Amino acid sequence: MTEKSLAEIQREVDAYISQFKEGYFSPLALMARMSEEVGELAREVNHYYGEKPKKADEAENTVEMELGDILFILSCFANSLGIDLTEAHNKVMHKFNTRDADRWTRKNAEQ
C-alpha cells in the first residue's frame, strides 16, 4: 500500500463526503462520533491487552480498524472546520519540542 500524506487523506475523505447532499455533520455531531469511536477503540484495546476477553458473539473488530475510524472522523472534523491537519501537526510538534524539550530523558543522553 502506498503512503498517503495527511493532506491526501483529507482530500480523499472530502471527495467521499462531497458525494452526498448531507455533507459533513455539525461539529457537535462529529465530536459525539469521535467520542463513540474512541470508546470502541478502548473496548478493543481492553479485549486484546486487558482483562476483559471478547464474548463469543461479539463482532470481530481490530485496533487497526478502530484507529482507522478515528482517523476518518478526525479528517471529517478538520475538513468541516477548514483545518489543515498537517499544519495542526506541525504546530503541535513545535509545542512539544519547545515546552517539553527537557521533560523526558533522551536515549542519547544515557551514553
N, C-alpha and C. Protein backbone atom coordinates (compact mmCIF):
# COMPACT_ATOMS: atom_id res chain seq x y z
N MET A 1 0.84 -1.18 0.00
CA MET A 1 0.00 0.00 0.00
C MET A 1 0.89 1.25 0.00
N THR A 2 0.49 2.25 -0.72
CA THR A 2 1.24 3.49 -0.84
C THR A 2 0.97 4.39 0.36
N GLU A 3 2.02 5.04 0.84
CA GLU A 3 1.84 6.01 1.92
C GLU A 3 1.06 7.21 1.42
N LYS A 4 0.26 7.79 2.31
CA LYS A 4 -0.51 8.99 1.99
C LYS A 4 -0.16 10.06 3.00
N SER A 5 -0.09 11.28 2.54
CA SER A 5 0.12 12.41 3.45
C SER A 5 -1.21 12.73 4.13
N LEU A 6 -1.15 13.51 5.18
CA LEU A 6 -2.38 13.95 5.84
C LEU A 6 -3.24 14.74 4.86
N ALA A 7 -2.61 15.56 4.03
CA ALA A 7 -3.35 16.35 3.04
C ALA A 7 -4.08 15.44 2.06
N GLU A 8 -3.42 14.38 1.63
CA GLU A 8 -4.06 13.42 0.72
C GLU A 8 -5.23 12.73 1.40
N ILE A 9 -5.06 12.36 2.65
CA ILE A 9 -6.15 11.73 3.40
C ILE A 9 -7.32 12.68 3.51
N GLN A 10 -7.04 13.94 3.85
CA GLN A 10 -8.13 14.92 3.97
C GLN A 10 -8.85 15.10 2.63
N ARG A 11 -8.11 15.15 1.53
CA ARG A 11 -8.74 15.30 0.22
C ARG A 11 -9.58 14.06 -0.13
N GLU A 12 -9.07 12.88 0.19
CA GLU A 12 -9.81 11.64 -0.10
C GLU A 12 -11.11 11.59 0.70
N VAL A 13 -11.05 11.95 1.96
CA VAL A 13 -12.26 11.99 2.80
C VAL A 13 -13.23 13.03 2.25
N ASP A 14 -12.72 14.20 1.86
CA ASP A 14 -13.59 15.25 1.33
C ASP A 14 -14.27 14.80 0.04
N ALA A 15 -13.53 14.12 -0.83
CA ALA A 15 -14.13 13.61 -2.07
C ALA A 15 -15.24 12.62 -1.76
N TYR A 16 -15.03 11.79 -0.74
CA TYR A 16 -16.06 10.83 -0.35
C TYR A 16 -17.30 11.54 0.19
N ILE A 17 -17.10 12.44 1.14
CA ILE A 17 -18.22 13.14 1.79
C ILE A 17 -18.95 14.03 0.78
N SER A 18 -18.23 14.62 -0.16
CA SER A 18 -18.82 15.54 -1.13
C SER A 18 -19.80 14.87 -2.08
N GLN A 19 -19.83 13.55 -2.12
CA GLN A 19 -20.78 12.83 -2.96
C GLN A 19 -22.21 12.92 -2.44
N PHE A 20 -22.35 13.27 -1.19
CA PHE A 20 -23.64 13.18 -0.52
C PHE A 20 -24.21 14.56 -0.21
N LYS A 21 -25.51 14.73 -0.42
CA LYS A 21 -26.18 16.01 -0.16
C LYS A 21 -26.02 16.44 1.29
N GLU A 22 -25.99 15.47 2.21
CA GLU A 22 -25.93 15.80 3.63
C GLU A 22 -24.60 16.46 4.01
N GLY A 23 -23.54 16.14 3.32
CA GLY A 23 -22.23 16.74 3.62
C GLY A 23 -21.73 16.36 5.00
N TYR A 24 -20.92 17.22 5.55
CA TYR A 24 -20.34 16.97 6.87
C TYR A 24 -21.39 17.19 7.96
N PHE A 25 -21.27 16.39 9.02
CA PHE A 25 -22.11 16.60 10.19
C PHE A 25 -21.65 17.87 10.91
N SER A 26 -22.46 18.36 11.82
CA SER A 26 -22.09 19.54 12.61
C SER A 26 -20.91 19.20 13.52
N PRO A 27 -20.18 20.23 13.99
CA PRO A 27 -19.08 19.96 14.92
C PRO A 27 -19.52 19.17 16.15
N LEU A 28 -20.68 19.46 16.68
CA LEU A 28 -21.16 18.74 17.86
C LEU A 28 -21.41 17.26 17.53
N ALA A 29 -22.02 16.99 16.39
CA ALA A 29 -22.26 15.60 15.99
C ALA A 29 -20.93 14.88 15.72
N LEU A 30 -19.98 15.58 15.12
CA LEU A 30 -18.67 14.97 14.88
C LEU A 30 -17.95 14.68 16.18
N MET A 31 -18.10 15.55 17.17
CA MET A 31 -17.49 15.31 18.48
C MET A 31 -18.10 14.06 19.12
N ALA A 32 -19.41 13.91 18.99
CA ALA A 32 -20.07 12.72 19.52
C ALA A 32 -19.59 11.47 18.80
N ARG A 33 -19.44 11.55 17.47
CA ARG A 33 -18.93 10.41 16.70
C ARG A 33 -17.51 10.07 17.11
N MET A 34 -16.69 11.10 17.31
CA MET A 34 -15.31 10.88 17.73
C MET A 34 -15.28 10.17 19.08
N SER A 35 -16.10 10.63 20.01
CA SER A 35 -16.16 10.01 21.33
C SER A 35 -16.60 8.56 21.23
N GLU A 36 -17.56 8.29 20.37
CA GLU A 36 -18.04 6.93 20.16
C GLU A 36 -16.91 6.04 19.63
N GLU A 37 -16.17 6.54 18.65
CA GLU A 37 -15.08 5.75 18.06
C GLU A 37 -13.95 5.53 19.06
N VAL A 38 -13.65 6.52 19.89
CA VAL A 38 -12.61 6.34 20.90
C VAL A 38 -13.05 5.29 21.92
N GLY A 39 -14.34 5.26 22.23
CA GLY A 39 -14.87 4.23 23.11
C GLY A 39 -14.72 2.84 22.51
N GLU A 40 -14.97 2.73 21.20
CA GLU A 40 -14.81 1.45 20.52
C GLU A 40 -13.34 1.02 20.50
N LEU A 41 -12.43 1.98 20.34
CA LEU A 41 -11.00 1.67 20.41
C LEU A 41 -10.65 1.16 21.80
N ALA A 42 -11.16 1.84 22.83
CA ALA A 42 -10.88 1.42 24.20
C ALA A 42 -11.37 0.00 24.44
N ARG A 43 -12.50 -0.33 23.90
CA ARG A 43 -13.05 -1.68 24.07
C ARG A 43 -12.13 -2.72 23.42
N GLU A 44 -11.66 -2.42 22.20
CA GLU A 44 -10.77 -3.36 21.51
C GLU A 44 -9.44 -3.51 22.25
N VAL A 45 -8.89 -2.40 22.72
CA VAL A 45 -7.63 -2.46 23.47
C VAL A 45 -7.82 -3.30 24.73
N ASN A 46 -8.96 -3.13 25.39
CA ASN A 46 -9.24 -3.91 26.59
C ASN A 46 -9.36 -5.40 26.25
N HIS A 47 -9.95 -5.72 25.10
CA HIS A 47 -10.06 -7.13 24.70
C HIS A 47 -8.69 -7.74 24.41
N TYR A 48 -7.83 -7.01 23.72
CA TYR A 48 -6.54 -7.56 23.31
C TYR A 48 -5.48 -7.49 24.40
N TYR A 49 -5.49 -6.43 25.19
CA TYR A 49 -4.40 -6.21 26.15
C TYR A 49 -4.87 -6.17 27.60
N GLY A 50 -6.16 -6.15 27.82
CA GLY A 50 -6.68 -6.04 29.17
C GLY A 50 -7.20 -7.36 29.69
N GLU A 51 -8.00 -7.26 30.71
CA GLU A 51 -8.51 -8.44 31.40
C GLU A 51 -9.91 -8.82 30.96
N LYS A 52 -10.45 -8.16 29.95
CA LYS A 52 -11.83 -8.43 29.53
C LYS A 52 -11.83 -9.14 28.18
N PRO A 53 -11.93 -10.46 28.16
CA PRO A 53 -11.95 -11.18 26.88
C PRO A 53 -13.22 -10.87 26.09
N LYS A 54 -13.11 -10.98 24.79
CA LYS A 54 -14.24 -10.74 23.90
C LYS A 54 -15.25 -11.87 24.05
N LYS A 55 -16.54 -11.54 24.03
CA LYS A 55 -17.59 -12.55 24.06
C LYS A 55 -17.60 -13.28 22.72
N ALA A 56 -18.04 -14.51 22.74
CA ALA A 56 -18.06 -15.34 21.53
C ALA A 56 -18.92 -14.72 20.43
N ASP A 57 -19.98 -14.01 20.79
CA ASP A 57 -20.89 -13.45 19.78
C ASP A 57 -20.57 -12.00 19.41
N GLU A 58 -19.46 -11.45 19.92
CA GLU A 58 -19.10 -10.06 19.60
C GLU A 58 -18.45 -9.98 18.23
N ALA A 59 -18.69 -8.87 17.55
CA ALA A 59 -18.13 -8.64 16.22
C ALA A 59 -16.61 -8.61 16.26
N GLU A 60 -16.01 -9.08 15.20
CA GLU A 60 -14.54 -9.07 15.09
C GLU A 60 -14.08 -7.70 14.61
N ASN A 61 -13.70 -6.87 15.51
CA ASN A 61 -13.10 -5.58 15.19
C ASN A 61 -11.63 -5.67 15.57
N THR A 62 -10.85 -4.71 15.10
CA THR A 62 -9.44 -4.70 15.45
C THR A 62 -9.04 -3.31 15.88
N VAL A 63 -7.95 -3.22 16.60
CA VAL A 63 -7.41 -1.92 16.99
C VAL A 63 -7.12 -1.11 15.72
N GLU A 64 -6.58 -1.77 14.69
CA GLU A 64 -6.27 -1.08 13.44
C GLU A 64 -7.52 -0.44 12.83
N MET A 65 -8.61 -1.18 12.75
CA MET A 65 -9.84 -0.64 12.17
C MET A 65 -10.41 0.50 13.01
N GLU A 66 -10.33 0.37 14.32
CA GLU A 66 -10.85 1.43 15.18
C GLU A 66 -10.00 2.71 15.02
N LEU A 67 -8.67 2.55 14.92
CA LEU A 67 -7.82 3.72 14.67
C LEU A 67 -8.15 4.33 13.31
N GLY A 68 -8.43 3.48 12.32
CA GLY A 68 -8.83 3.98 11.00
C GLY A 68 -10.13 4.77 11.07
N ASP A 69 -11.09 4.27 11.85
CA ASP A 69 -12.35 5.01 12.04
C ASP A 69 -12.09 6.38 12.66
N ILE A 70 -11.21 6.41 13.64
CA ILE A 70 -10.88 7.68 14.30
C ILE A 70 -10.22 8.64 13.32
N LEU A 71 -9.30 8.13 12.49
CA LEU A 71 -8.65 8.98 11.50
C LEU A 71 -9.67 9.54 10.51
N PHE A 72 -10.63 8.73 10.11
CA PHE A 72 -11.68 9.19 9.20
C PHE A 72 -12.50 10.31 9.84
N ILE A 73 -12.96 10.09 11.07
CA ILE A 73 -13.76 11.11 11.75
C ILE A 73 -12.92 12.36 12.02
N LEU A 74 -11.66 12.19 12.39
CA LEU A 74 -10.77 13.33 12.60
C LEU A 74 -10.64 14.14 11.31
N SER A 75 -10.50 13.46 10.19
CA SER A 75 -10.41 14.14 8.90
C SER A 75 -11.70 14.88 8.58
N CYS A 76 -12.84 14.25 8.84
CA CYS A 76 -14.13 14.92 8.65
C CYS A 76 -14.23 16.18 9.50
N PHE A 77 -13.84 16.04 10.76
CA PHE A 77 -13.90 17.16 11.70
C PHE A 77 -13.03 18.32 11.20
N ALA A 78 -11.80 18.01 10.85
CA ALA A 78 -10.88 19.05 10.37
C ALA A 78 -11.40 19.68 9.08
N ASN A 79 -11.83 18.86 8.14
CA ASN A 79 -12.34 19.39 6.87
C ASN A 79 -13.54 20.30 7.10
N SER A 80 -14.45 19.88 7.97
CA SER A 80 -15.67 20.67 8.19
C SER A 80 -15.37 22.04 8.78
N LEU A 81 -14.23 22.15 9.47
CA LEU A 81 -13.84 23.42 10.09
C LEU A 81 -12.75 24.15 9.31
N GLY A 82 -12.34 23.58 8.16
CA GLY A 82 -11.30 24.21 7.35
C GLY A 82 -9.92 24.15 7.99
N ILE A 83 -9.65 23.10 8.73
CA ILE A 83 -8.36 22.95 9.42
C ILE A 83 -7.46 22.02 8.63
N ASP A 84 -6.25 22.46 8.36
CA ASP A 84 -5.23 21.67 7.69
C ASP A 84 -4.53 20.83 8.76
N LEU A 85 -4.71 19.51 8.72
CA LEU A 85 -4.14 18.64 9.75
C LEU A 85 -2.61 18.64 9.73
N THR A 86 -2.01 18.84 8.57
CA THR A 86 -0.55 18.91 8.52
C THR A 86 -0.06 20.13 9.29
N GLU A 87 -0.71 21.26 9.08
CA GLU A 87 -0.34 22.48 9.81
C GLU A 87 -0.60 22.32 11.30
N ALA A 88 -1.72 21.70 11.65
CA ALA A 88 -2.03 21.45 13.07
C ALA A 88 -0.96 20.56 13.69
N HIS A 89 -0.55 19.53 12.96
CA HIS A 89 0.50 18.64 13.45
C HIS A 89 1.81 19.40 13.64
N ASN A 90 2.18 20.22 12.67
CA ASN A 90 3.41 21.00 12.78
C ASN A 90 3.40 21.90 14.01
N LYS A 91 2.28 22.54 14.27
CA LYS A 91 2.16 23.42 15.44
C LYS A 91 2.28 22.63 16.74
N VAL A 92 1.65 21.47 16.79
CA VAL A 92 1.71 20.63 18.00
C VAL A 92 3.14 20.13 18.23
N MET A 93 3.81 19.70 17.17
CA MET A 93 5.18 19.22 17.33
C MET A 93 6.11 20.34 17.79
N HIS A 94 5.88 21.55 17.29
CA HIS A 94 6.67 22.69 17.76
C HIS A 94 6.44 22.91 19.26
N LYS A 95 5.18 22.82 19.67
CA LYS A 95 4.83 22.98 21.08
C LYS A 95 5.55 21.93 21.93
N PHE A 96 5.49 20.67 21.53
CA PHE A 96 6.13 19.61 22.31
C PHE A 96 7.65 19.75 22.30
N ASN A 97 8.21 20.12 21.16
CA ASN A 97 9.67 20.25 21.06
C ASN A 97 10.22 21.45 21.82
N THR A 98 9.38 22.41 22.13
CA THR A 98 9.84 23.56 22.92
C THR A 98 9.42 23.42 24.38
N ARG A 99 8.15 23.23 24.64
CA ARG A 99 7.64 23.14 26.01
C ARG A 99 8.20 21.94 26.75
N ASP A 100 8.29 20.81 26.09
CA ASP A 100 8.72 19.57 26.74
C ASP A 100 10.14 19.17 26.36
N ALA A 101 10.93 20.11 25.90
CA ALA A 101 12.28 19.80 25.41
C ALA A 101 13.13 19.07 26.46
N ASP A 102 12.97 19.42 27.72
CA ASP A 102 13.79 18.82 28.77
C ASP A 102 12.96 17.98 29.76
N ARG A 103 11.78 17.61 29.36
CA ARG A 103 10.88 16.89 30.27
C ARG A 103 11.23 15.42 30.41
N TRP A 104 11.69 14.79 29.35
CA TRP A 104 11.95 13.36 29.34
C TRP A 104 13.43 13.09 29.15
N THR A 105 13.87 11.92 29.58
CA THR A 105 15.28 11.52 29.44
C THR A 105 15.50 11.02 28.02
N ARG A 106 16.36 11.70 27.30
CA ARG A 106 16.66 11.30 25.92
C ARG A 106 17.54 10.07 25.90
N LYS A 107 17.32 9.20 24.95
CA LYS A 107 18.10 7.97 24.82
C LYS A 107 19.57 8.27 24.65
N ASN A 108 19.93 9.25 23.84
CA ASN A 108 21.34 9.55 23.61
C ASN A 108 22.02 10.20 24.81
N ALA A 109 21.24 10.65 25.80
CA ALA A 109 21.81 11.27 26.99
C ALA A 109 22.32 10.23 27.97
N GLU A 110 21.93 8.97 27.82
CA GLU A 110 22.31 7.89 28.73
C GLU A 110 23.67 7.30 28.41
N GLN A 111 24.26 7.67 27.31
CA GLN A 111 25.52 7.05 26.87
C GLN A 111 26.73 7.64 27.56
